[in-house]
């Protein structure tokens, strides 16, 4: 999964961050979401809801939000990465 994320980061289809990803999920503009292992339980609950309703893929990663931020090349924690349709 990490290799897939690295490939996606070079495109313009990636949205980094929980708020931005949830906003696009509500609009039906995401096809997939990657979630860190230590994301907030409420966030995971919201993503599971949109997974059921919207039929998107929600992939739970084995890396925490600090490692996910590093993978994305960001100097901050990243809990969710969304992939636009």
Protein backbone atom coordinates (compact mmCIF):
# COMPACT_ATOMS: atom_id res chain seq x y z
CA UNK A 1 0.00 0.00 0.00
CA UNK A 2 2.85 2.40 0.77
CA UNK A 3 4.18 2.06 -2.78
CA UNK A 4 0.70 2.82 -4.14
CA UNK A 5 0.51 5.95 -1.96
CA UNK A 6 3.93 7.12 -3.16
CA UNK A 7 2.83 6.72 -6.79
CA UNK A 8 -0.41 8.58 -6.13
CA UNK A 9 1.42 11.47 -4.46
CA UNK A 10 2.99 12.37 -7.80
CA UNK A 11 -0.48 12.92 -9.30
CA UNK A 12 -3.03 15.63 -8.65
CA UNK A 13 -5.64 13.13 -7.44
CA UNK A 14 -4.46 13.06 -3.80
CA UNK A 15 -6.06 14.97 -0.94
CA UNK A 16 -4.13 15.07 2.32
CA UNK A 17 -5.95 15.52 5.62
CA UNK A 18 -9.08 14.34 7.37
CA UNK A 19 -11.14 17.51 6.97
CA UNK A 20 -10.50 17.89 3.25
CA UNK A 21 -11.07 14.19 2.64
CA UNK A 22 -14.35 14.12 4.57
CA UNK A 23 -15.55 17.21 2.72
CA UNK A 24 -14.95 15.53 -0.64
CA UNK A 25 -16.47 12.28 0.62
CA UNK A 26 -19.69 14.09 1.44
CA UNK A 27 -19.76 15.45 -2.11
CA UNK A 28 -19.08 11.97 -3.53
CA UNK A 29 -15.79 13.02 -5.13
CA UNK A 30 -13.46 10.40 -3.60
CA UNK A 31 -12.98 6.84 -4.73
CA UNK A 32 -10.57 5.68 -2.03
CA UNK A 33 -9.25 6.70 1.38
CA UNK A 34 -6.17 5.53 3.27
CA UNK A 35 -6.38 5.78 7.07
CA UNK A 36 -3.51 5.66 9.56
CA UNK A 37 -3.51 3.01 12.27
CA UNK A 38 -3.93 5.52 15.09
CA UNK A 39 -6.57 7.78 13.56
CA UNK A 40 -9.25 9.06 15.93
CA UNK A 41 -12.08 6.54 16.55
CA UNK A 42 -14.68 9.14 15.54
CA UNK A 43 -12.89 9.69 12.23
CA UNK A 44 -12.78 5.95 11.56
CA UNK A 45 -16.49 5.76 12.36
CA UNK A 46 -17.26 8.54 9.85
CA UNK A 47 -15.16 6.85 7.17
CA UNK A 48 -16.88 3.51 7.76
CA UNK A 49 -20.24 5.24 7.34
CA UNK A 50 -19.22 6.74 3.98
CA UNK A 51 -17.76 3.38 2.99
CA UNK A 52 -21.19 1.80 3.44
CA UNK A 53 -23.21 4.64 1.95
CA UNK A 54 -20.92 5.76 -0.87
CA UNK A 55 -19.25 2.50 -1.73
CA UNK A 56 -15.72 3.88 -1.50
CA UNK A 57 -12.68 1.85 -0.52
CA UNK A 58 -11.39 2.67 2.96
CA UNK A 59 -8.01 1.09 3.52
CA UNK A 60 -6.59 0.87 7.04
CA UNK A 61 -2.82 1.14 7.01
CA UNK A 62 -0.31 -0.43 9.38
CA UNK A 63 1.52 2.89 9.80
CA UNK A 64 0.68 5.60 12.32
CA UNK A 65 -0.11 9.22 11.43
CA UNK A 66 3.47 10.37 12.04
CA UNK A 67 4.87 7.82 9.58
CA UNK A 68 2.14 8.62 7.07
CA UNK A 69 3.08 12.31 7.26
CA UNK A 70 6.70 11.38 6.59
CA UNK A 71 5.71 9.22 3.61
CA UNK A 72 3.78 12.19 2.20
CA UNK A 73 6.77 14.47 2.76
CA UNK A 74 4.86 16.64 5.23
CA UNK A 75 6.25 18.03 8.50
CA UNK A 76 3.01 17.23 10.31
CA UNK A 77 0.82 14.25 11.20
CA UNK A 78 -1.45 12.87 8.47
CA UNK A 79 -4.38 10.63 9.43
CA UNK A 80 -6.18 10.37 6.08
CA UNK A 81 -5.22 10.47 2.44
CA UNK A 82 -8.06 10.64 -0.07
CA UNK A 83 -7.94 9.76 -3.76
CA UNK A 84 -10.20 11.73 -6.10
CA UNK A 85 -12.26 10.06 -8.80
